[in-house]
Amino acid sequence: MAADANTTAMIAAIQAAITQATTALNQQTTQLGQGLTQGVNNLIQEVQGIPAAVQGILPAAPALPAAGAYSRSPLATNVAAQLDYETKTDTKYYENATKSVMPYKGEFDVEPNRFHLFVDQVLVRARDTGMLEPGQIVMVPTTLPIPAVAAVPAAGGVAAVAAVPAVPAVGPFCNAIQEYGSKTLEEICAWERTFIAEQGRMSQNSKILFDAIMASLTTMGLQRIRTWSNEYTIVVNGESYDAGLTLFKVVVRES
């Protein structure tokens, strides 16, 4: 009986020791897990703070440029605003717009054999540069615009004259390049005279068209056309202007 009591006491002691060891192990495991969890949380917070820290060190990324207006030709990107030839952009535009319209520079000699090619190429250049837009130089109105007349006060016994408002051009409008036989030289010249002395895009386009046509002629062609320079030069208030659409009409006639 004494042996059984000793055995029971020993087993109880062993079980108590095991329970104590298990409890201690569980406590250590819990503490280890809590420490690991806290470490992971600290690491996550540090990682999340990296972008803000980097943002304060690195320069901000440049904004992407906005997409420009769509156009099928570089010459069609600016067809309405007045050109400023003191800027490189507009000077480059002029250089490109006034290149020969022919496939090979100086190919047209003002002869019938290449006449239709010349007209087609001038039409393409006019379209690319916006000259076929409503109100632009190639679209010639049926009735020309009349500029406004300022009022004149009475003076020296002469009665006052009331102001007269401007009268806009009246259509239908004629494409003077495609329909090159629809308007006379005098009508084309009268149309260009209405705007050629003004400081605006239409006057600039007249000069662009003039220089492009001249760049497209052979030496023989230039000699033939120069004979009629008085017909495509428009004089306004003593100032002479090269008239591009009128020059085109002269070239058509001489071809």
C-alpha atoms as a PDB file:
ATOM      1  CA  MET A   1       0.000   0.000   0.000  1.00  0.00           C
ATOM      2  CA  ALA A   2       2.907   2.301   0.820  1.00  0.00           C
ATOM      3  CA  ALA A   3       4.329   1.636  -2.652  1.00  0.00           C
ATOM      4  CA  ASP A   4       1.051   2.522  -4.306  1.00  0.00           C
ATOM      5  CA  ALA A   5       0.909   5.780  -2.369  1.00  0.00           C
ATOM      6  CA  ASN A   6       4.424   6.655  -3.447  1.00  0.00           C
ATOM      7  CA  THR A   7       3.605   5.885  -7.077  1.00  0.00           C
ATOM      8  CA  THR A   8       0.482   8.013  -6.977  1.00  0.00           C
ATOM      9  CA  ALA A   9       2.410  10.897  -5.431  1.00  0.00           C
ATOM     10  CA  MET A  10       5.099  10.586  -8.082  1.00  0.00           C
ATOM     11  CA  ILE A  11       2.571  10.589 -10.910  1.00  0.00           C
ATOM     12  CA  ALA A  12       0.852  13.635  -9.422  1.00  0.00           C
ATOM     13  CA  ALA A  13       4.183  15.427  -9.161  1.00  0.00           C
ATOM     14  CA  ILE A  14       5.013  14.578 -12.777  1.00  0.00           C
ATOM     15  CA  GLN A  15       1.599  15.792 -13.971  1.00  0.00           C
ATOM     16  CA  ALA A  16       2.012  19.031 -11.998  1.00  0.00           C
ATOM     17  CA  ALA A  17       5.434  19.531 -13.528  1.00  0.00           C
ATOM     18  CA  ILE A  18       4.064  18.909 -17.008  1.00  0.00           C
ATOM     19  CA  THR A  19       1.177  21.321 -16.426  1.00  0.00           C
ATOM     20  CA  GLN A  20       3.552  23.980 -15.140  1.00  0.00           C
ATOM     21  CA  ALA A  21       5.893  23.517 -18.093  1.00  0.00           C
ATOM     22  CA  THR A  22       2.980  23.620 -20.558  1.00  0.00           C
ATOM     23  CA  THR A  23       1.639  26.817 -18.994  1.00  0.00           C
ATOM     24  CA  ALA A  24       5.055  28.450 -19.155  1.00  0.00           C
ATOM     25  CA  LEU A  25       5.499  27.374 -22.792  1.00  0.00           C
ATOM     26  CA  ASN A  26       2.075  28.767 -23.711  1.00  0.00           C
ATOM     27  CA  GLN A  27       2.913  32.064 -22.043  1.00  0.00           C
ATOM     28  CA  GLN A  28       6.202  32.273 -23.904  1.00  0.00           C
ATOM     29  CA  THR A  29       4.487  31.387 -27.192  1.00  0.00           C
ATOM     30  CA  THR A  30       1.821  34.061 -26.617  1.00  0.00           C
ATOM     31  CA  GLN A  31       4.440  36.670 -25.806  1.00  0.00           C
ATOM     32  CA  LEU A  32       6.459  35.640 -28.854  1.00  0.00           C
ATOM     33  CA  GLY A  33       3.370  35.894 -31.095  1.00  0.00           C
ATOM     34  CA  GLN A  34       2.472  39.281 -29.683  1.00  0.00           C
ATOM     35  CA  GLY A  35       6.002  40.510 -30.246  1.00  0.00           C
ATOM     36  CA  LEU A  36       6.018  39.173 -33.793  1.00  0.00           C
ATOM     37  CA  THR A  37       2.657  40.799 -34.536  1.00  0.00           C
ATOM     38  CA  GLN A  38       3.853  44.132 -33.167  1.00  0.00           C
ATOM     39  CA  GLY A  39       7.025  43.875 -35.240  1.00  0.00           C
ATOM     40  CA  VAL A  40       5.061  43.189 -38.404  1.00  0.00           C
ATOM     41  CA  ASN A  41       2.723  46.110 -37.667  1.00  0.00           C
ATOM     42  CA  ASN A  42       5.699  48.395 -37.110  1.00  0.00           C
ATOM     43  CA  LEU A  43       7.231  47.240 -40.403  1.00  0.00           C
ATOM     44  CA  ILE A  44       3.960  47.886 -42.277  1.00  0.00           C
ATOM     45  CA  GLN A  45       3.783  51.407 -40.859  1.00  0.00           C
ATOM     46  CA  GLU A  46       7.382  52.075 -41.902  1.00  0.00           C
ATOM     47  CA  VAL A  47       6.726  50.797 -45.445  1.00  0.00           C
ATOM     48  CA  GLN A  48       3.576  52.887 -45.722  1.00  0.00           C
ATOM     49  CA  GLY A  49       5.546  55.952 -44.705  1.00  0.00           C
ATOM     50  CA  ILE A  50       8.169  55.478 -47.448  1.00  0.00           C
ATOM     51  CA  PRO A  51       6.174  57.238 -50.270  1.00  0.00           C
ATOM     52  CA  ALA A  52       5.682  60.353 -48.140  1.00  0.00           C
ATOM     53  CA  ALA A  53       9.366  60.408 -47.215  1.00  0.00           C
ATOM     54  CA  VAL A  54      10.455  59.891 -50.823  1.00  0.00           C
ATOM     55  CA  GLN A  55       8.011  62.541 -51.982  1.00  0.00           C
ATOM     56  CA  GLY A  56       9.749  65.068 -49.796  1.00  0.00           C
ATOM     57  CA  ILE A  57      13.139  64.155 -51.301  1.00  0.00           C
ATOM     58  CA  LEU A  58      12.477  63.558 -55.002  1.00  0.00           C
ATOM     59  CA  PRO A  59      11.118  66.284 -57.338  1.00  0.00           C
ATOM     60  CA  ALA A  60       7.511  65.951 -58.383  1.00  0.00           C
ATOM     61  CA  ALA A  61       6.928  64.104 -61.636  1.00  0.00           C
ATOM     62  CA  PRO A  62       6.214  66.520 -64.520  1.00  0.00           C
ATOM     63  CA  ALA A  63       2.632  66.694 -65.678  1.00  0.00           C
ATOM     64  CA  LEU A  64       1.909  65.028 -68.987  1.00  0.00           C
ATOM     65  CA  PRO A  65       1.266  67.565 -71.773  1.00  0.00           C
ATOM     66  CA  ALA A  66      -2.321  67.944 -72.870  1.00  0.00           C
ATOM     67  CA  ALA A  67      -3.166  66.406 -76.220  1.00  0.00           C
ATOM     68  CA  GLY A  68      -3.163  69.033 -78.991  1.00  0.00           C
ATOM     69  CA  ALA A  69      -5.926  69.649 -81.457  1.00  0.00           C
ATOM     70  CA  TYR A  70      -6.084  67.012 -84.195  1.00  0.00           C
ATOM     71  CA  SER A  71      -4.961  67.964 -87.687  1.00  0.00           C
ATOM     72  CA  ARG A  72      -3.886  65.938 -90.705  1.00  0.00           C
ATOM     73  CA  SER A  73      -1.105  68.317 -91.680  1.00  0.00           C
ATOM     74  CA  PRO A  74       1.381  70.418 -89.667  1.00  0.00           C
ATOM     75  CA  LEU A  75       0.294  73.411 -91.752  1.00  0.00           C
ATOM     76  CA  ALA A  76      -3.303  72.956 -90.565  1.00  0.00           C
ATOM     77  CA  THR A  77      -2.538  73.448 -86.879  1.00  0.00           C
ATOM     78  CA  ASN A  78      -2.872  77.235 -86.971  1.00  0.00           C
ATOM     79  CA  VAL A  79      -5.021  78.515 -89.798  1.00  0.00           C
ATOM     80  CA  ALA A  80      -6.904  81.429 -88.259  1.00  0.00           C
ATOM     81  CA  ALA A  81      -4.723  83.424 -85.873  1.00  0.00           C
ATOM     82  CA  GLN A  82      -2.459  86.185 -87.118  1.00  0.00           C
ATOM     83  CA  LEU A  83       1.110  84.950 -87.526  1.00  0.00           C
ATOM     84  CA  ASP A  84       3.932  86.513 -85.536  1.00  0.00           C
ATOM     85  CA  TYR A  85       7.105  86.236 -87.587  1.00  0.00           C
ATOM     86  CA  GLU A  86       9.224  87.276 -84.614  1.00  0.00           C
ATOM     87  CA  THR A  87       8.643  83.794 -83.200  1.00  0.00           C
ATOM     88  CA  LYS A  88      10.470  80.683 -84.409  1.00  0.00           C
ATOM     89  CA  THR A  89       7.250  78.680 -84.626  1.00  0.00           C
ATOM     90  CA  ASP A  90       5.487  81.067 -87.022  1.00  0.00           C
ATOM     91  CA  THR A  91       8.660  81.698 -89.019  1.00  0.00           C
ATOM     92  CA  LYS A  92       9.018  77.923 -89.513  1.00  0.00           C
ATOM     93  CA  TYR A  93       5.347  77.756 -90.501  1.00  0.00           C
ATOM     94  CA  TYR A  94       5.962  80.396 -93.202  1.00  0.00           C
ATOM     95  CA  GLU A  95       9.019  78.543 -94.507  1.00  0.00           C
ATOM     96  CA  ASN A  96       7.050  75.305 -94.880  1.00  0.00           C
ATOM     97  CA  ALA A  97       3.939  76.967 -96.314  1.00  0.00           C
ATOM     98  CA  THR A  98       5.897  78.819 -99.015  1.00  0.00           C
ATOM     99  CA  LYS A  99       7.852  75.850-100.350  1.00  0.00           C
ATOM    100  CA  SER A 100       7.212  74.837-103.939  1.00  0.00           C
ATOM    101  CA  VAL A 101       3.844  73.158-104.363  1.00  0.00           C
ATOM    102  CA  MET A 102       5.202  70.960-107.131  1.00  0.00           C
ATOM    103  CA  PRO A 103       6.645  67.468-106.536  1.00  0.00           C
ATOM    104  CA  TYR A 104       9.997  68.842-107.676  1.00  0.00           C
ATOM    105  CA  LYS A 105      10.865  72.445-106.909  1.00  0.00           C
ATOM    106  CA  GLY A 106      10.570  74.827-109.842  1.00  0.00           C
ATOM    107  CA  GLU A 107       9.001  72.273-112.170  1.00  0.00           C
ATOM    108  CA  PHE A 108       6.134  74.334-113.604  1.00  0.00           C
ATOM    109  CA  ASP A 109       7.152  76.471-116.563  1.00  0.00           C
ATOM    110  CA  VAL A 110       3.698  78.001-117.185  1.00  0.00           C
ATOM    111  CA  GLU A 111       2.959  75.628-120.056  1.00  0.00           C
ATOM    112  CA  PRO A 112      -0.227  73.601-120.700  1.00  0.00           C
ATOM    113  CA  ASN A 113       1.407  70.173-120.217  1.00  0.00           C
ATOM    114  CA  ARG A 114       1.697  70.549-116.426  1.00  0.00           C
ATOM    115  CA  PHE A 115      -1.105  73.032-115.862  1.00  0.00           C
ATOM    116  CA  HIS A 116      -3.614  70.700-114.186  1.00  0.00           C
ATOM    117  CA  LEU A 117      -0.940  69.261-111.896  1.00  0.00           C
ATOM    118  CA  PHE A 118      -0.014  72.798-110.872  1.00  0.00           C
ATOM    119  CA  VAL A 119      -3.631  73.736-110.099  1.00  0.00           C
ATOM    120  CA  ASP A 120      -4.155  70.546-108.087  1.00  0.00           C
ATOM    121  CA  GLN A 121      -1.001  71.152-106.054  1.00  0.00           C
ATOM    122  CA  VAL A 122      -1.920  74.773-105.324  1.00  0.00           C
ATOM    123  CA  LEU A 123      -5.342  73.574-104.175  1.00  0.00           C
ATOM    124  CA  VAL A 124      -3.721  71.077-101.777  1.00  0.00           C
ATOM    125  CA  ARG A 125      -1.475  73.788-100.296  1.00  0.00           C
ATOM    126  CA  ALA A 126      -4.437  76.140 -99.915  1.00  0.00           C
ATOM    127  CA  ARG A 127      -6.425  73.422 -98.154  1.00  0.00           C
ATOM    128  CA  ASP A 128      -3.547  72.551 -95.814  1.00  0.00           C
ATOM    129  CA  THR A 129      -3.073  76.189 -94.806  1.00  0.00           C
ATOM    130  CA  GLY A 130      -6.762  76.846 -94.188  1.00  0.00           C
ATOM    131  CA  MET A 131      -7.267  79.124 -97.186  1.00  0.00           C
ATOM    132  CA  LEU A 132     -10.378  77.198 -98.216  1.00  0.00           C
ATOM    133  CA  GLU A 133     -12.126  77.898 -94.903  1.00  0.00           C
ATOM    134  CA  PRO A 134     -15.228  80.152 -94.979  1.00  0.00           C
ATOM    135  CA  GLY A 135     -14.143  83.787 -95.031  1.00  0.00           C
ATOM    136  CA  GLN A 136     -10.618  82.976 -96.202  1.00  0.00           C
ATOM    137  CA  ILE A 137      -8.939  84.335 -99.309  1.00  0.00           C
ATOM    138  CA  VAL A 138      -9.639  81.528-101.797  1.00  0.00           C
ATOM    139  CA  MET A 139     -13.398  81.655-101.156  1.00  0.00           C
ATOM    140  CA  VAL A 140     -14.417  84.681-103.222  1.00  0.00           C
ATOM    141  CA  PRO A 141     -17.872  86.132-102.457  1.00  0.00           C
ATOM    142  CA  THR A 142     -20.475  87.092-105.014  1.00  0.00           C
ATOM    143  CA  THR A 143     -20.756  90.562-103.458  1.00  0.00           C
ATOM    144  CA  LEU A 144     -17.647  92.129-101.988  1.00  0.00           C
ATOM    145  CA  PRO A 145     -17.684  93.522 -98.440  1.00  0.00           C
ATOM    146  CA  ILE A 146     -17.986  97.263 -97.952  1.00  0.00           C
ATOM    147  CA  PRO A 147     -15.914  98.786 -95.134  1.00  0.00           C
ATOM    148  CA  ALA A 148     -17.496 101.030 -92.536  1.00  0.00           C
ATOM    149  CA  VAL A 149     -17.382 104.798 -93.047  1.00  0.00           C
ATOM    150  CA  ALA A 150     -16.847 107.008 -90.011  1.00  0.00           C
ATOM    151  CA  ALA A 151     -19.157 109.926 -89.303  1.00  0.00           C
ATOM    152  CA  VAL A 152     -18.001 113.367 -90.422  1.00  0.00           C
ATOM    153  CA  PRO A 153     -19.061 116.309 -88.249  1.00  0.00           C
ATOM    154  CA  ALA A 154     -20.406 119.503 -89.778  1.00  0.00           C
ATOM    155  CA  ALA A 155     -17.729 122.089 -90.484  1.00  0.00           C
ATOM    156  CA  GLY A 156     -17.406 125.254 -92.534  1.00  0.00           C
ATOM    157  CA  GLY A 157     -21.019 125.278 -93.571  1.00  0.00           C
ATOM    158  CA  VAL A 158     -20.825 121.674 -94.787  1.00  0.00           C
ATOM    159  CA  ALA A 159     -23.490 119.396 -93.342  1.00  0.00           C
ATOM    160  CA  ALA A 160     -22.481 116.475 -91.186  1.00  0.00           C
ATOM    161  CA  VAL A 161     -22.298 113.023 -92.719  1.00  0.00           C
ATOM    162  CA  ALA A 162     -23.649 110.090 -90.740  1.00  0.00           C
ATOM    163  CA  ALA A 163     -21.573 106.987 -90.165  1.00  0.00           C
ATOM    164  CA  VAL A 164     -22.164 104.074 -92.493  1.00  0.00           C
ATOM    165  CA  PRO A 165     -21.792 100.560 -90.998  1.00  0.00           C
ATOM    166  CA  ALA A 166     -19.725  97.913 -92.711  1.00  0.00           C
ATOM    167  CA  VAL A 167     -21.498  95.543 -95.085  1.00  0.00           C
ATOM    168  CA  PRO A 168     -20.206  91.938 -94.991  1.00  0.00           C
ATOM    169  CA  ALA A 169     -19.460  89.851 -98.035  1.00  0.00           C
ATOM    170  CA  VAL A 170     -22.426  88.068 -99.551  1.00  0.00           C
ATOM    171  CA  GLY A 171     -22.374  84.539-100.971  1.00  0.00           C
ATOM    172  CA  PRO A 172     -22.536  82.161-102.590  1.00  0.00           C
ATOM    173  CA  PHE A 173     -18.779  81.826-102.441  1.00  0.00           C
ATOM    174  CA  CYS A 174     -16.556  80.565-105.232  1.00  0.00           C
ATOM    175  CA  ASN A 175     -13.432  78.449-104.744  1.00  0.00           C
ATOM    176  CA  ALA A 176     -11.206  80.577-106.962  1.00  0.00           C
ATOM    177  CA  ILE A 177      -8.583  77.822-107.369  1.00  0.00           C
ATOM    178  CA  GLN A 178     -10.779  74.839-108.096  1.00  0.00           C
ATOM    179  CA  GLU A 179     -13.173  76.960-110.181  1.00  0.00           C
ATOM    180  CA  TYR A 180     -10.413  79.056-111.719  1.00  0.00           C
ATOM    181  CA  GLY A 181     -12.572  80.133-114.670  1.00  0.00           C
ATOM    182  CA  SER A 182     -15.528  81.412-112.624  1.00  0.00           C
ATOM    183  CA  LYS A 183     -14.091  84.819-111.687  1.00  0.00           C
ATOM    184  CA  THR A 184     -12.337  87.384-113.838  1.00  0.00           C
ATOM    185  CA  LEU A 185      -8.908  88.760-113.012  1.00  0.00           C
ATOM    186  CA  GLU A 186     -10.533  92.083-112.142  1.00  0.00           C
ATOM    187  CA  GLU A 187     -12.928  90.413-109.695  1.00  0.00           C
ATOM    188  CA  ILE A 188     -10.122  88.488-107.984  1.00  0.00           C
ATOM    189  CA  CYS A 189      -8.019  91.645-107.711  1.00  0.00           C
ATOM    190  CA  ALA A 190     -10.951  93.634-106.302  1.00  0.00           C
ATOM    191  CA  TRP A 191     -11.522  90.906-103.681  1.00  0.00           C
ATOM    192  CA  GLU A 192      -7.907  90.890-102.524  1.00  0.00           C
ATOM    193  CA  ARG A 193      -7.888  94.682-102.396  1.00  0.00           C
ATOM    194  CA  THR A 194     -10.525  94.557 -99.623  1.00  0.00           C
ATOM    195  CA  PHE A 195      -8.094  92.985 -97.136  1.00  0.00           C
ATOM    196  CA  ILE A 196      -4.553  93.045 -98.473  1.00  0.00           C
ATOM    197  CA  ALA A 197      -3.550  96.262 -96.682  1.00  0.00           C
ATOM    198  CA  GLU A 198      -4.964  95.125 -93.349  1.00  0.00           C
ATOM    199  CA  GLN A 199      -2.779  93.683 -90.608  1.00  0.00           C
ATOM    200  CA  GLY A 200      -4.451  90.284 -90.445  1.00  0.00           C
ATOM    201  CA  ARG A 201      -4.188  86.637 -91.400  1.00  0.00           C
ATOM    202  CA  MET A 202      -5.896  87.039 -94.782  1.00  0.00           C
ATOM    203  CA  SER A 203      -3.231  89.495 -95.923  1.00  0.00           C
ATOM    204  CA  GLN A 204      -0.531  87.134 -94.616  1.00  0.00           C
ATOM    205  CA  ASN A 205      -2.134  84.210 -96.471  1.00  0.00           C
ATOM    206  CA  SER A 206      -2.133  86.229 -99.685  1.00  0.00           C
ATOM    207  CA  LYS A 207       1.625  86.691 -99.322  1.00  0.00           C
ATOM    208  CA  ILE A 208       2.124  83.013 -98.403  1.00  0.00           C
ATOM    209  CA  LEU A 209       0.225  81.916-101.511  1.00  0.00           C
ATOM    210  CA  PHE A 210       2.201  84.391-103.640  1.00  0.00           C
ATOM    211  CA  ASP A 211       5.584  83.125-102.426  1.00  0.00           C
ATOM    212  CA  ALA A 212       4.548  79.455-102.759  1.00  0.00           C
ATOM    213  CA  ILE A 213       3.492  79.965-106.383  1.00  0.00           C
ATOM    214  CA  MET A 214       6.671  81.865-107.234  1.00  0.00           C
ATOM    215  CA  ALA A 215       8.757  79.083-105.654  1.00  0.00           C
ATOM    216  CA  SER A 216       6.998  76.571-107.940  1.00  0.00           C
ATOM    217  CA  LEU A 217       7.999  78.166-111.248  1.00  0.00           C
ATOM    218  CA  THR A 218      10.997  77.479-113.450  1.00  0.00           C
ATOM    219  CA  THR A 219      13.205  80.339-114.605  1.00  0.00           C
ATOM    220  CA  MET A 220      11.298  80.377-117.885  1.00  0.00           C
ATOM    221  CA  GLY A 221       8.011  80.444-116.009  1.00  0.00           C
ATOM    222  CA  LEU A 222       9.169  83.329-113.839  1.00  0.00           C
ATOM    223  CA  GLN A 223      10.227  85.290-116.895  1.00  0.00           C
ATOM    224  CA  ARG A 224       6.808  84.844-118.466  1.00  0.00           C
ATOM    225  CA  ILE A 225       4.963  85.896-115.333  1.00  0.00           C
ATOM    226  CA  ARG A 226       7.174  88.818-114.338  1.00  0.00           C
ATOM    227  CA  THR A 227       6.061  90.549-117.532  1.00  0.00           C
ATOM    228  CA  TRP A 228       2.649  91.024-115.889  1.00  0.00           C
ATOM    229  CA  SER A 229       3.838  92.098-112.434  1.00  0.00           C
ATOM    230  CA  ASN A 230       1.725  95.243-112.574  1.00  0.00           C
ATOM    231  CA  GLU A 231      -1.401  93.048-112.724  1.00  0.00           C
ATOM    232  CA  TYR A 232      -0.696  91.041-109.563  1.00  0.00           C
ATOM    233  CA  THR A 233       0.721  93.948-107.570  1.00  0.00           C
ATOM    234  CA  ILE A 234      -1.982  95.821-105.680  1.00  0.00           C
ATOM    235  CA  VAL A 235      -1.294  99.397-104.593  1.00  0.00           C
ATOM    236  CA  VAL A 236      -3.180 100.755-101.583  1.00  0.00           C
ATOM    237  CA  ASN A 237      -2.402 104.254-100.281  1.00  0.00           C
ATOM    238  CA  GLY A 238       0.895 104.241-102.148  1.00  0.00           C
ATOM    239  CA  GLU A 239       1.984 100.877-100.707  1.00  0.00           C
ATOM    240  CA  SER A 240       2.561  97.925-103.067  1.00  0.00           C
ATOM    241  CA  TYR A 241       1.439  94.426-102.077  1.00  0.00           C
ATOM    242  CA  ASP A 242       2.108  91.054-103.725  1.00  0.00           C
ATOM    243  CA  ALA A 243      -1.325  89.481-104.254  1.00  0.00           C
ATOM    244  CA  GLY A 244      -1.230  85.675-104.194  1.00  0.00           C
ATOM    245  CA  LEU A 245      -4.690  84.852-105.524  1.00  0.00           C
ATOM    246  CA  THR A 246      -4.383  87.441-108.275  1.00  0.00           C
ATOM    247  CA  LEU A 247      -0.984  85.972-109.208  1.00  0.00           C
ATOM    248  CA  PHE A 248      -2.618  82.549-109.467  1.00  0.00           C
ATOM    249  CA  LYS A 249      -5.174  83.976-111.885  1.00  0.00           C
ATOM    250  CA  VAL A 250      -2.403  85.480-114.030  1.00  0.00           C
ATOM    251  CA  VAL A 251      -0.551  82.135-114.104  1.00  0.00           C
ATOM    252  CA  VAL A 252      -3.770  80.400-115.167  1.00  0.00           C
ATOM    253  CA  ARG A 253      -4.254  82.871-117.983  1.00  0.00           C
ATOM    254  CA  GLU A 254      -0.687  82.601-119.225  1.00  0.00           C
ATOM    255  CA  SER A 255      -0.695  78.797-119.151  1.00  0.00           C
END
